[in-house]
């Protein structure tokens, strides 16, 4: 059973903790571009997702499309799964953190 939009919205607001400006600046870094599966297309799935997240965060809730709601649910799922795989030790400069940041979540941000 898929989640209702209220649940998706609540999870999104909790998990996607980077502002559009923070995410936009992050996506321009070499670290951002160095992680993720490209599927042979040059840009990683996470990097593409980050660009969509900026667009979604700049859209009013009532104006979100079905496709945007679907992407929000996908982002929530990715962040939930990936944060559960946190490696031991300092994660500040790790591909694990960089990948999460491409999806709008900085695990070091309070």
PDB file of N, CA and C in Angstrom:
ATOM      1  N   UNK A   1       0.844  -1.180   0.000  1.00  0.00           N
ATOM      2  CA  UNK A   1       0.000   0.000   0.000  1.00  0.00           C
ATOM      3  C   UNK A   1       0.894   1.249   0.000  1.00  0.00           C
ATOM      4  N   UNK A   2       0.604   2.174  -0.860  1.00  0.00           N
ATOM      5  CA  UNK A   2       1.401   3.390  -0.913  1.00  0.00           C
ATOM      6  C   UNK A   2       0.963   4.342   0.197  1.00  0.00           C
ATOM      7  N   UNK A   3       1.856   5.254   0.530  1.00  0.00           N
ATOM      8  CA  UNK A   3       1.582   6.197   1.609  1.00  0.00           C
ATOM      9  C   UNK A   3       0.714   7.341   1.104  1.00  0.00           C
ATOM     10  N   UNK A   4      -0.083   7.885   2.013  1.00  0.00           N
ATOM     11  CA  UNK A   4      -0.907   9.030   1.635  1.00  0.00           C
ATOM     12  C   UNK A   4      -0.038  10.288   1.596  1.00  0.00           C
ATOM     13  N   UNK A   5      -0.565  11.315   0.972  1.00  0.00           N
ATOM     14  CA  UNK A   5       0.208  12.535   0.759  1.00  0.00           C
ATOM     15  C   UNK A   5       0.581  13.240   2.055  1.00  0.00           C
ATOM     16  N   UNK A   6      -0.259  13.150   3.075  1.00  0.00           N
ATOM     17  CA  UNK A   6       0.097  13.770   4.358  1.00  0.00           C
ATOM     18  C   UNK A   6       1.335  13.102   4.948  1.00  0.00           C
ATOM     19  N   UNK A   7       1.409  11.786   4.842  1.00  0.00           N
ATOM     20  CA  UNK A   7       2.573  11.053   5.353  1.00  0.00           C
ATOM     21  C   UNK A   7       3.809  11.385   4.521  1.00  0.00           C
ATOM     22  N   UNK A   8       3.661  11.399   3.203  1.00  0.00           N
ATOM     23  CA  UNK A   8       4.779  11.753   2.323  1.00  0.00           C
ATOM     24  C   UNK A   8       5.294  13.143   2.674  1.00  0.00           C
ATOM     25  N   UNK A   9       4.391  14.091   2.840  1.00  0.00           N
ATOM     26  CA  UNK A   9       4.760  15.465   3.163  1.00  0.00           C
ATOM     27  C   UNK A   9       5.514  15.539   4.491  1.00  0.00           C
ATOM     28  N   UNK A  10       4.996  14.866   5.515  1.00  0.00           N
ATOM     29  CA  UNK A  10       5.639  14.895   6.838  1.00  0.00           C
ATOM     30  C   UNK A  10       7.034  14.286   6.785  1.00  0.00           C
ATOM     31  N   UNK A  11       7.172  13.144   6.102  1.00  0.00           N
ATOM     32  CA  UNK A  11       8.487  12.512   5.981  1.00  0.00           C
ATOM     33  C   UNK A  11       9.440  13.411   5.192  1.00  0.00           C
ATOM     34  N   UNK A  12       8.949  13.997   4.112  1.00  0.00           N
ATOM     35  CA  UNK A  12       9.751  14.894   3.271  1.00  0.00           C
ATOM     36  C   UNK A  12      10.309  16.056   4.100  1.00  0.00           C
ATOM     37  N   UNK A  13       9.443  16.681   4.887  1.00  0.00           N
ATOM     38  CA  UNK A  13       9.876  17.838   5.686  1.00  0.00           C
ATOM     39  C   UNK A  13      10.885  17.434   6.757  1.00  0.00           C
ATOM     40  N   UNK A  14      10.801  16.197   7.215  1.00  0.00           N
ATOM     41  CA  UNK A  14      11.745  15.704   8.225  1.00  0.00           C
ATOM     42  C   UNK A  14      13.064  15.272   7.591  1.00  0.00           C
ATOM     43  N   UNK A  15      13.014  14.594   6.467  1.00  0.00           N
ATOM     44  CA  UNK A  15      14.201  13.979   5.881  1.00  0.00           C
ATOM     45  C   UNK A  15      14.991  14.895   4.954  1.00  0.00           C
ATOM     46  N   UNK A  16      14.312  15.703   4.163  1.00  0.00           N
ATOM     47  CA  UNK A  16      15.008  16.595   3.228  1.00  0.00           C
ATOM     48  C   UNK A  16      15.344  17.866   4.007  1.00  0.00           C
ATOM     49  N   UNK A  17      16.548  17.879   4.596  1.00  0.00           N
ATOM     50  CA  UNK A  17      16.902  18.948   5.530  1.00  0.00           C
ATOM     51  C   UNK A  17      17.812  20.020   4.933  1.00  0.00           C
ATOM     52  N   UNK A  18      18.066  19.964   3.646  1.00  0.00           N
ATOM     53  CA  UNK A  18      18.861  20.995   2.999  1.00  0.00           C
ATOM     54  C   UNK A  18      17.935  21.993   2.304  1.00  0.00           C
ATOM     55  N   UNK A  19      18.285  23.272   2.383  1.00  0.00           N
ATOM     56  CA  UNK A  19      17.505  24.296   1.706  1.00  0.00           C
ATOM     57  C   UNK A  19      17.806  24.228   0.206  1.00  0.00           C
ATOM     58  N   UNK A  20      16.944  24.803  -0.623  1.00  0.00           N
ATOM     59  CA  UNK A  20      17.247  24.824  -2.057  1.00  0.00           C
ATOM     60  C   UNK A  20      18.602  25.461  -2.352  1.00  0.00           C
ATOM     61  N   UNK A  21      18.945  26.540  -1.644  1.00  0.00           N
ATOM     62  CA  UNK A  21      20.235  27.202  -1.866  1.00  0.00           C
ATOM     63  C   UNK A  21      21.396  26.290  -1.476  1.00  0.00           C
ATOM     64  N   UNK A  22      21.294  25.641  -0.319  1.00  0.00           N
ATOM     65  CA  UNK A  22      22.350  24.715   0.107  1.00  0.00           C
ATOM     66  C   UNK A  22      22.518  23.591  -0.899  1.00  0.00           C
ATOM     67  N   UNK A  23      21.403  23.042  -1.356  1.00  0.00           N
ATOM     68  CA  UNK A  23      21.452  21.930  -2.295  1.00  0.00           C
ATOM     69  C   UNK A  23      22.008  22.380  -3.642  1.00  0.00           C
ATOM     70  N   UNK A  24      21.577  23.537  -4.101  1.00  0.00           N
ATOM     71  CA  UNK A  24      22.077  24.066  -5.369  1.00  0.00           C
ATOM     72  C   UNK A  24      23.593  24.253  -5.319  1.00  0.00           C
ATOM     73  N   UNK A  25      24.094  24.822  -4.241  1.00  0.00           N
ATOM     74  CA  UNK A  25      25.542  25.021  -4.088  1.00  0.00           C
ATOM     75  C   UNK A  25      26.258  23.675  -4.000  1.00  0.00           C
ATOM     76  N   UNK A  26      25.687  22.722  -3.271  1.00  0.00           N
ATOM     77  CA  UNK A  26      26.284  21.402  -3.132  1.00  0.00           C
ATOM     78  C   UNK A  26      26.411  20.701  -4.485  1.00  0.00           C
ATOM     79  N   UNK A  27      25.359  20.778  -5.290  1.00  0.00           N
ATOM     80  CA  UNK A  27      25.346  20.070  -6.574  1.00  0.00           C
ATOM     81  C   UNK A  27      26.413  20.577  -7.544  1.00  0.00           C
ATOM     82  N   UNK A  28      26.968  21.747  -7.273  1.00  0.00           N
ATOM     83  CA  UNK A  28      28.032  22.301  -8.119  1.00  0.00           C
ATOM     84  C   UNK A  28      29.418  21.797  -7.726  1.00  0.00           C
ATOM     85  N   UNK A  29      29.525  21.097  -6.614  1.00  0.00           N
ATOM     86  CA  UNK A  29      30.839  20.658  -6.134  1.00  0.00           C
ATOM     87  C   UNK A  29      31.303  19.378  -6.832  1.00  0.00           C
ATOM     88  N   UNK A  30      32.612  19.189  -6.831  1.00  0.00           N
ATOM     89  CA  UNK A  30      33.182  17.963  -7.374  1.00  0.00           C
ATOM     90  C   UNK A  30      32.770  16.742  -6.576  1.00  0.00           C
ATOM     91  N   UNK A  31      32.629  16.906  -5.263  1.00  0.00           N
ATOM     92  CA  UNK A  31      32.227  15.783  -4.418  1.00  0.00           C
ATOM     93  C   UNK A  31      30.833  15.296  -4.800  1.00  0.00           C
ATOM     94  N   UNK A  32      29.935  16.232  -5.053  1.00  0.00           N
ATOM     95  CA  UNK A  32      28.578  15.866  -5.451  1.00  0.00           C
ATOM     96  C   UNK A  32      28.581  15.081  -6.755  1.00  0.00           C
ATOM     97  N   UNK A  33      29.375  15.531  -7.689  1.00  0.00           N
ATOM     98  CA  UNK A  33      29.413  14.908  -9.011  1.00  0.00           C
ATOM     99  C   UNK A  33      30.196  13.602  -9.040  1.00  0.00           C
ATOM    100  N   UNK A  34      30.936  13.318  -7.956  1.00  0.00           N
ATOM    101  CA  UNK A  34      31.808  12.142  -7.936  1.00  0.00           C
ATOM    102  C   UNK A  34      31.122  10.871  -7.453  1.00  0.00           C
ATOM    103  N   UNK A  35      29.886  10.971  -6.942  1.00  0.00           N
ATOM    104  CA  UNK A  35      29.227   9.803  -6.352  1.00  0.00           C
ATOM    105  C   UNK A  35      27.965   9.432  -7.111  1.00  0.00           C
ATOM    106  N   UNK A  36      27.588   8.173  -6.971  1.00  0.00           N
ATOM    107  CA  UNK A  36      26.324   7.707  -7.516  1.00  0.00           C
ATOM    108  C   UNK A  36      26.447   6.962  -8.815  1.00  0.00           C
ATOM    109  N   UNK A  37      25.374   6.263  -9.143  1.00  0.00           N
ATOM    110  CA  UNK A  37      25.283   5.472 -10.362  1.00  0.00           C
ATOM    111  C   UNK A  37      24.821   6.365 -11.511  1.00  0.00           C
ATOM    112  N   UNK A  38      25.588   6.378 -12.582  1.00  0.00           N
ATOM    113  CA  UNK A  38      25.239   7.230 -13.723  1.00  0.00           C
ATOM    114  C   UNK A  38      24.410   6.494 -14.755  1.00  0.00           C
ATOM    115  N   UNK A  39      24.398   5.184 -14.706  1.00  0.00           N
ATOM    116  CA  UNK A  39      23.663   4.425 -15.711  1.00  0.00           C
ATOM    117  C   UNK A  39      24.178   4.712 -17.110  1.00  0.00           C
ATOM    118  N   UNK A  40      25.432   5.167 -17.197  1.00  0.00           N
ATOM    119  CA  UNK A  40      26.041   5.458 -18.482  1.00  0.00           C
ATOM    120  C   UNK A  40      25.622   6.788 -19.085  1.00  0.00           C
ATOM    121  N   UNK A  41      24.875   7.600 -18.327  1.00  0.00           N
ATOM    122  CA  UNK A  41      24.358   8.856 -18.864  1.00  0.00           C
ATOM    123  C   UNK A  41      25.177  10.078 -18.474  1.00  0.00           C
ATOM    124  N   UNK A  42      26.216   9.921 -17.661  1.00  0.00           N
ATOM    125  CA  UNK A  42      27.050  11.052 -17.274  1.00  0.00           C
ATOM    126  C   UNK A  42      26.674  11.671 -15.947  1.00  0.00           C
ATOM    127  N   UNK A  43      25.377  11.908 -15.710  1.00  0.00           N
ATOM    128  CA  UNK A  43      24.932  12.485 -14.449  1.00  0.00           C
ATOM    129  C   UNK A  43      24.302  11.388 -13.604  1.00  0.00           C
ATOM    130  N   UNK A  44      24.685  11.340 -12.330  1.00  0.00           N
ATOM    131  CA  UNK A  44      24.160  10.279 -11.469  1.00  0.00           C
ATOM    132  C   UNK A  44      22.677  10.477 -11.178  1.00  0.00           C
ATOM    133  N   UNK A  45      22.048   9.386 -10.802  1.00  0.00           N
ATOM    134  CA  UNK A  45      20.634   9.406 -10.430  1.00  0.00           C
ATOM    135  C   UNK A  45      20.394  10.376  -9.279  1.00  0.00           C
ATOM    136  N   UNK A  46      21.283  10.343  -8.282  1.00  0.00           N
ATOM    137  CA  UNK A  46      21.136  11.228  -7.124  1.00  0.00           C
ATOM    138  C   UNK A  46      21.294  12.692  -7.493  1.00  0.00           C
ATOM    139  N   UNK A  47      22.224  12.976  -8.398  1.00  0.00           N
ATOM    140  CA  UNK A  47      22.448  14.360  -8.823  1.00  0.00           C
ATOM    141  C   UNK A  47      21.213  14.896  -9.548  1.00  0.00           C
ATOM    142  N   UNK A  48      20.636  14.074 -10.418  1.00  0.00           N
ATOM    143  CA  UNK A  48      19.391  14.464 -11.100  1.00  0.00           C
ATOM    144  C   UNK A  48      18.284  14.684 -10.074  1.00  0.00           C
ATOM    145  N   UNK A  49      18.229  13.793  -9.092  1.00  0.00           N
ATOM    146  CA  UNK A  49      17.218  13.906  -8.053  1.00  0.00           C
ATOM    147  C   UNK A  49      17.374  15.219  -7.300  1.00  0.00           C
ATOM    148  N   UNK A  50      18.606  15.593  -7.015  1.00  0.00           N
ATOM    149  CA  UNK A  50      18.855  16.853  -6.307  1.00  0.00           C
ATOM    150  C   UNK A  50      18.291  18.046  -7.054  1.00  0.00           C
ATOM    151  N   UNK A  51      18.441  18.047  -8.370  1.00  0.00           N
ATOM    152  CA  UNK A  51      17.892  19.143  -9.165  1.00  0.00           C
ATOM    153  C   UNK A  51      16.362  19.158  -9.090  1.00  0.00           C
ATOM    154  N   UNK A  52      15.755  17.977  -9.083  1.00  0.00           N
ATOM    155  CA  UNK A  52      14.287  17.893  -8.952  1.00  0.00           C
ATOM    156  C   UNK A  52      13.833  18.339  -7.565  1.00  0.00           C
ATOM    157  N   UNK A  53      14.625  18.022  -6.550  1.00  0.00           N
ATOM    158  CA  UNK A  53      14.287  18.409  -5.178  1.00  0.00           C
ATOM    159  C   UNK A  53      14.244  19.928  -5.063  1.00  0.00           C
ATOM    160  N   UNK A  54      15.206  20.608  -5.683  1.00  0.00           N
ATOM    161  CA  UNK A  54      15.213  22.071  -5.665  1.00  0.00           C
ATOM    162  C   UNK A  54      13.911  22.596  -6.268  1.00  0.00           C
ATOM    163  N   UNK A  55      13.518  22.018  -7.381  1.00  0.00           N
ATOM    164  CA  UNK A  55      12.275  22.417  -8.055  1.00  0.00           C
ATOM    165  C   UNK A  55      11.061  22.170  -7.148  1.00  0.00           C
ATOM    166  N   UNK A  56      11.024  21.001  -6.525  1.00  0.00           N
ATOM    167  CA  UNK A  56       9.893  20.657  -5.656  1.00  0.00           C
ATOM    168  C   UNK A  56       9.832  21.584  -4.446  1.00  0.00           C
ATOM    169  N   UNK A  57      10.989  21.849  -3.832  1.00  0.00           N
ATOM    170  CA  UNK A  57      11.010  22.710  -2.649  1.00  0.00           C
ATOM    171  C   UNK A  57      10.630  24.144  -2.994  1.00  0.00           C
ATOM    172  N   UNK A  58      10.691  24.500  -4.257  1.00  0.00           N
ATOM    173  CA  UNK A  58      10.328  25.844  -4.702  1.00  0.00           C
ATOM    174  C   UNK A  58       8.873  25.904  -5.174  1.00  0.00           C
ATOM    175  N   UNK A  59       8.137  24.809  -5.002  1.00  0.00           N
ATOM    176  CA  UNK A  59       6.747  24.720  -5.428  1.00  0.00           C
ATOM    177  C   UNK A  59       5.841  24.680  -4.196  1.00  0.00           C
ATOM    178  N   UNK A  60       4.748  25.400  -4.239  1.00  0.00           N
ATOM    179  CA  UNK A  60       3.785  25.367  -3.142  1.00  0.00           C
ATOM    180  C   UNK A  60       3.173  23.970  -3.064  1.00  0.00           C
ATOM    181  N   UNK A  61       2.893  23.541  -1.846  1.00  0.00           N
ATOM    182  CA  UNK A  61       2.338  22.206  -1.628  1.00  0.00           C
ATOM    183  C   UNK A  61       1.103  21.953  -2.485  1.00  0.00           C
ATOM    184  N   UNK A  62       0.199  22.914  -2.553  1.00  0.00           N
ATOM    185  CA  UNK A  62      -1.041  22.737  -3.312  1.00  0.00           C
ATOM    186  C   UNK A  62      -0.819  22.681  -4.822  1.00  0.00           C
ATOM    187  N   UNK A  63       0.364  23.105  -5.278  1.00  0.00           N
ATOM    188  CA  UNK A  63       0.664  23.127  -6.708  1.00  0.00           C
ATOM    189  C   UNK A  63       1.508  21.935  -7.171  1.00  0.00           C
ATOM    190  N   UNK A  64       1.851  21.037  -6.245  1.00  0.00           N
ATOM    191  CA  UNK A  64       2.673  19.880  -6.606  1.00  0.00           C
ATOM    192  C   UNK A  64       1.907  18.945  -7.548  1.00  0.00           C
ATOM    193  N   UNK A  65       2.615  18.425  -8.539  1.00  0.00           N
ATOM    194  CA  UNK A  65       2.016  17.490  -9.490  1.00  0.00           C
ATOM    195  C   UNK A  65       2.089  16.066  -8.942  1.00  0.00           C
ATOM    196  N   UNK A  66       1.347  15.171  -9.552  1.00  0.00           N
ATOM    197  CA  UNK A  66       1.409  13.757  -9.163  1.00  0.00           C
ATOM    198  C   UNK A  66       2.836  13.227  -9.304  1.00  0.00           C
ATOM    199  N   UNK A  67       3.517  13.618 -10.371  1.00  0.00           N
ATOM    200  CA  UNK A  67       4.896  13.194 -10.589  1.00  0.00           C
ATOM    201  C   UNK A  67       5.821  13.698  -9.479  1.00  0.00           C
ATOM    202  N   UNK A  68       5.612  14.921  -9.035  1.00  0.00           N
ATOM    203  CA  UNK A  68       6.417  15.456  -7.937  1.00  0.00           C
ATOM    204  C   UNK A  68       6.138  14.709  -6.638  1.00  0.00           C
ATOM    205  N   UNK A  69       4.876  14.402  -6.380  1.00  0.00           N
ATOM    206  CA  UNK A  69       4.552  13.611  -5.181  1.00  0.00           C
ATOM    207  C   UNK A  69       5.240  12.241  -5.247  1.00  0.00           C
ATOM    208  N   UNK A  70       5.233  11.628  -6.417  1.00  0.00           N
ATOM    209  CA  UNK A  70       5.899  10.331  -6.587  1.00  0.00           C
ATOM    210  C   UNK A  70       7.392  10.456  -6.316  1.00  0.00           C
ATOM    211  N   UNK A  71       7.998  11.537  -6.805  1.00  0.00           N
ATOM    212  CA  UNK A  71       9.436  11.720  -6.580  1.00  0.00           C
ATOM    213  C   UNK A  71       9.721  11.971  -5.102  1.00  0.00           C
ATOM    214  N   UNK A  72       8.857  12.727  -4.442  1.00  0.00           N
ATOM    215  CA  UNK A  72       9.034  12.958  -3.006  1.00  0.00           C
ATOM    216  C   UNK A  72       9.019  11.634  -2.241  1.00  0.00           C
ATOM    217  N   UNK A  73       8.108  10.742  -2.601  1.00  0.00           N
ATOM    218  CA  UNK A  73       8.042   9.431  -1.944  1.00  0.00           C
ATOM    219  C   UNK A  73       9.317   8.637  -2.215  1.00  0.00           C
ATOM    220  N   UNK A  74       9.826   8.712  -3.446  1.00  0.00           N
ATOM    221  CA  UNK A  74      11.070   8.028  -3.808  1.00  0.00           C
ATOM    222  C   UNK A  74      12.235   8.574  -2.982  1.00  0.00           C
ATOM    223  N   UNK A  75      12.315   9.890  -2.848  1.00  0.00           N
ATOM    224  CA  UNK A  75      13.376  10.524  -2.061  1.00  0.00           C
ATOM    225  C   UNK A  75      13.280  10.086  -0.604  1.00  0.00           C
ATOM    226  N   UNK A  76      12.083  10.095  -0.051  1.00  0.00           N
ATOM    227  CA  UNK A  76      11.899   9.658   1.335  1.00  0.00           C
ATOM    228  C   UNK A  76      12.402   8.242   1.531  1.00  0.00           C
ATOM    229  N   UNK A  77      12.062   7.355   0.596  1.00  0.00           N
ATOM    230  CA  UNK A  77      12.496   5.970   0.696  1.00  0.00           C
ATOM    231  C   UNK A  77      14.006   5.839   0.614  1.00  0.00           C
ATOM    232  N   UNK A  78      14.619   6.557  -0.321  1.00  0.00           N
ATOM    233  CA  UNK A  78      16.078   6.500  -0.468  1.00  0.00           C
ATOM    234  C   UNK A  78      16.762   6.972   0.809  1.00  0.00           C
ATOM    235  N   UNK A  79      16.336   8.126   1.318  1.00  0.00           N
ATOM    236  CA  UNK A  79      16.964   8.659   2.529  1.00  0.00           C
ATOM    237  C   UNK A  79      16.773   7.695   3.698  1.00  0.00           C
ATOM    238  N   UNK A  80      15.589   7.132   3.844  1.00  0.00           N
ATOM    239  CA  UNK A  80      15.336   6.184   4.926  1.00  0.00           C
ATOM    240  C   UNK A  80      16.238   4.964   4.852  1.00  0.00           C
ATOM    241  N   UNK A  81      16.359   4.387   3.648  1.00  0.00           N
ATOM    242  CA  UNK A  81      17.214   3.198   3.474  1.00  0.00           C
ATOM    243  C   UNK A  81      18.689   3.537   3.670  1.00  0.00           C
ATOM    244  N   UNK A  82      19.111   4.631   3.080  1.00  0.00           N
ATOM    245  CA  UNK A  82      20.531   4.971   3.089  1.00  0.00           C
ATOM    246  C   UNK A  82      21.009   5.399   4.480  1.00  0.00           C
ATOM    247  N   UNK A  83      20.195   6.133   5.230  1.00  0.00           N
ATOM    248  CA  UNK A  83      20.615   6.538   6.576  1.00  0.00           C
ATOM    249  C   UNK A  83      20.741   5.324   7.496  1.00  0.00           C
ATOM    250  N   UNK A  84      19.976   4.286   7.229  1.00  0.00           N
ATOM    251  CA  UNK A  84      20.062   3.058   8.029  1.00  0.00           C
ATOM    252  C   UNK A  84      21.382   2.317   7.799  1.00  0.00           C
ATOM    253  N   UNK A  85      22.089   2.675   6.737  1.00  0.00           N
ATOM    254  CA  UNK A  85      23.359   2.020   6.408  1.00  0.00           C
ATOM    255  C   UNK A  85      24.568   2.864   6.824  1.00  0.00           C
ATOM    256  N   UNK A  86      24.394   3.748   7.791  1.00  0.00           N
ATOM    257  CA  UNK A  86      25.469   4.648   8.221  1.00  0.00           C
ATOM    258  C   UNK A  86      26.720   3.857   8.588  1.00  0.00           C
ATOM    259  N   UNK A  87      27.847   4.216   7.991  1.00  0.00           N
ATOM    260  CA  UNK A  87      29.088   3.518   8.333  1.00  0.00           C
ATOM    261  C   UNK A  87      29.613   3.969   9.692  1.00  0.00           C
ATOM    262  N   UNK A  88      30.488   3.169  10.258  1.00  0.00           N
ATOM    263  CA  UNK A  88      31.123   3.520  11.526  1.00  0.00           C
ATOM    264  C   UNK A  88      32.128   4.643  11.309  1.00  0.00           C
ATOM    265  N   UNK A  89      32.381   5.377  12.368  1.00  0.00           N
ATOM    266  CA  UNK A  89      33.421   6.401  12.324  1.00  0.00           C
ATOM    267  C   UNK A  89      32.930   7.736  11.796  1.00  0.00           C
ATOM    268  N   UNK A  90      33.904   8.563  11.470  1.00  0.00           N
ATOM    269  CA  UNK A  90      33.634   9.914  10.971  1.00  0.00           C
ATOM    270  C   UNK A  90      33.112   9.824   9.547  1.00  0.00           C
ATOM    271  N   UNK A  91      31.937  10.381   9.302  1.00  0.00           N
ATOM    272  CA  UNK A  91      31.323  10.296   7.966  1.00  0.00           C
ATOM    273  C   UNK A  91      31.407  11.613   7.208  1.00  0.00           C
ATOM    274  N   UNK A  92      32.128  12.594   7.764  1.00  0.00           N
ATOM    275  CA  UNK A  92      32.175  13.932   7.194  1.00  0.00           C
ATOM    276  C   UNK A  92      32.548  13.938   5.711  1.00  0.00           C
ATOM    277  N   UNK A  93      33.576  13.250   5.331  1.00  0.00           N
ATOM    278  CA  UNK A  93      34.040  13.251   3.936  1.00  0.00           C
ATOM    279  C   UNK A  93      33.934  11.848   3.341  1.00  0.00           C
ATOM    280  N   UNK A  94      32.715  11.325   3.312  1.00  0.00           N
ATOM    281  CA  UNK A  94      32.494   9.976   2.792  1.00  0.00           C
ATOM    282  C   UNK A  94      31.515   9.996   1.623  1.00  0.00           C
ATOM    283  N   UNK A  95      31.657   9.014   0.761  1.00  0.00           N
ATOM    284  CA  UNK A  95      30.703   8.885  -0.344  1.00  0.00           C
ATOM    285  C   UNK A  95      29.289   8.671   0.173  1.00  0.00           C
ATOM    286  N   UNK A  96      29.173   8.002   1.324  1.00  0.00           N
ATOM    287  CA  UNK A  96      27.861   7.781   1.938  1.00  0.00           C
ATOM    288  C   UNK A  96      27.166   9.116   2.196  1.00  0.00           C
ATOM    289  N   UNK A  97      27.867  10.048   2.832  1.00  0.00           N
ATOM    290  CA  UNK A  97      27.291  11.371   3.115  1.00  0.00           C
ATOM    291  C   UNK A  97      27.048  12.137   1.818  1.00  0.00           C
ATOM    292  N   UNK A  98      28.005  12.106   0.917  1.00  0.00           N
ATOM    293  CA  UNK A  98      27.866  12.854  -0.340  1.00  0.00           C
ATOM    294  C   UNK A  98      26.644  12.385  -1.126  1.00  0.00           C
ATOM    295  N   UNK A  99      26.419  11.085  -1.145  1.00  0.00           N
ATOM    296  CA  UNK A  99      25.268  10.547  -1.852  1.00  0.00           C
ATOM    297  C   UNK A  99      23.969  11.031  -1.214  1.00  0.00           C
ATOM    298  N   UNK A 100      23.899  10.983   0.100  1.00  0.00           N
ATOM    299  CA  UNK A 100      22.704  11.477   0.791  1.00  0.00           C
ATOM    300  C   UNK A 100      22.467  12.961   0.524  1.00  0.00           C
ATOM    301  N   UNK A 101      23.540  13.718   0.473  1.00  0.00           N
ATOM    302  CA  UNK A 101      23.395  15.149   0.225  1.00  0.00           C
ATOM    303  C   UNK A 101      22.843  15.408  -1.177  1.00  0.00           C
ATOM    304  N   UNK A 102      23.210  14.571  -2.152  1.00  0.00           N
ATOM    305  CA  UNK A 102      22.630  14.717  -3.487  1.00  0.00           C
ATOM    306  C   UNK A 102      21.113  14.546  -3.438  1.00  0.00           C
ATOM    307  N   UNK A 103      20.640  13.776  -2.470  1.00  0.00           N
ATOM    308  CA  UNK A 103      19.195  13.531  -2.307  1.00  0.00           C
ATOM    309  C   UNK A 103      18.573  14.488  -1.300  1.00  0.00           C
ATOM    310  N   UNK A 104      19.314  15.554  -0.941  1.00  0.00           N
ATOM    311  CA  UNK A 104      18.752  16.620  -0.096  1.00  0.00           C
ATOM    312  C   UNK A 104      18.858  16.418   1.391  1.00  0.00           C
ATOM    313  N   UNK A 105      19.623  15.416   1.833  1.00  0.00           N
ATOM    314  CA  UNK A 105      19.746  15.142   3.262  1.00  0.00           C
ATOM    315  C   UNK A 105      21.214  15.178   3.682  1.00  0.00           C
ATOM    316  N   UNK A 106      21.549  16.115   4.571  1.00  0.00           N
ATOM    317  CA  UNK A 106      22.892  16.145   5.142  1.00  0.00           C
ATOM    318  C   UNK A 106      22.818  15.508   6.525  1.00  0.00           C
ATOM    319  N   UNK A 107      23.397  14.311   6.679  1.00  0.00           N
ATOM    320  CA  UNK A 107      23.283  13.599   7.952  1.00  0.00           C
ATOM    321  C   UNK A 107      24.009  14.297   9.108  1.00  0.00           C
ATOM    322  N   UNK A 108      24.848  15.274   8.805  1.00  0.00           N
ATOM    323  CA  UNK A 108      25.552  16.001   9.860  1.00  0.00           C
ATOM    324  C   UNK A 108      24.813  17.267  10.290  1.00  0.00           C
ATOM    325  N   UNK A 109      23.770  17.613   9.579  1.00  0.00           N
ATOM    326  CA  UNK A 109      23.014  18.828   9.884  1.00  0.00           C
ATOM    327  C   UNK A 109      22.021  18.546  10.996  1.00  0.00           C
ATOM    328  N   UNK A 110      22.020  19.398  11.979  1.00  0.00           N
ATOM    329  CA  UNK A 110      21.112  19.237  13.123  1.00  0.00           C
ATOM    330  C   UNK A 110      19.757  19.822  12.822  1.00  0.00           C
TER     331      UNK A 110
END
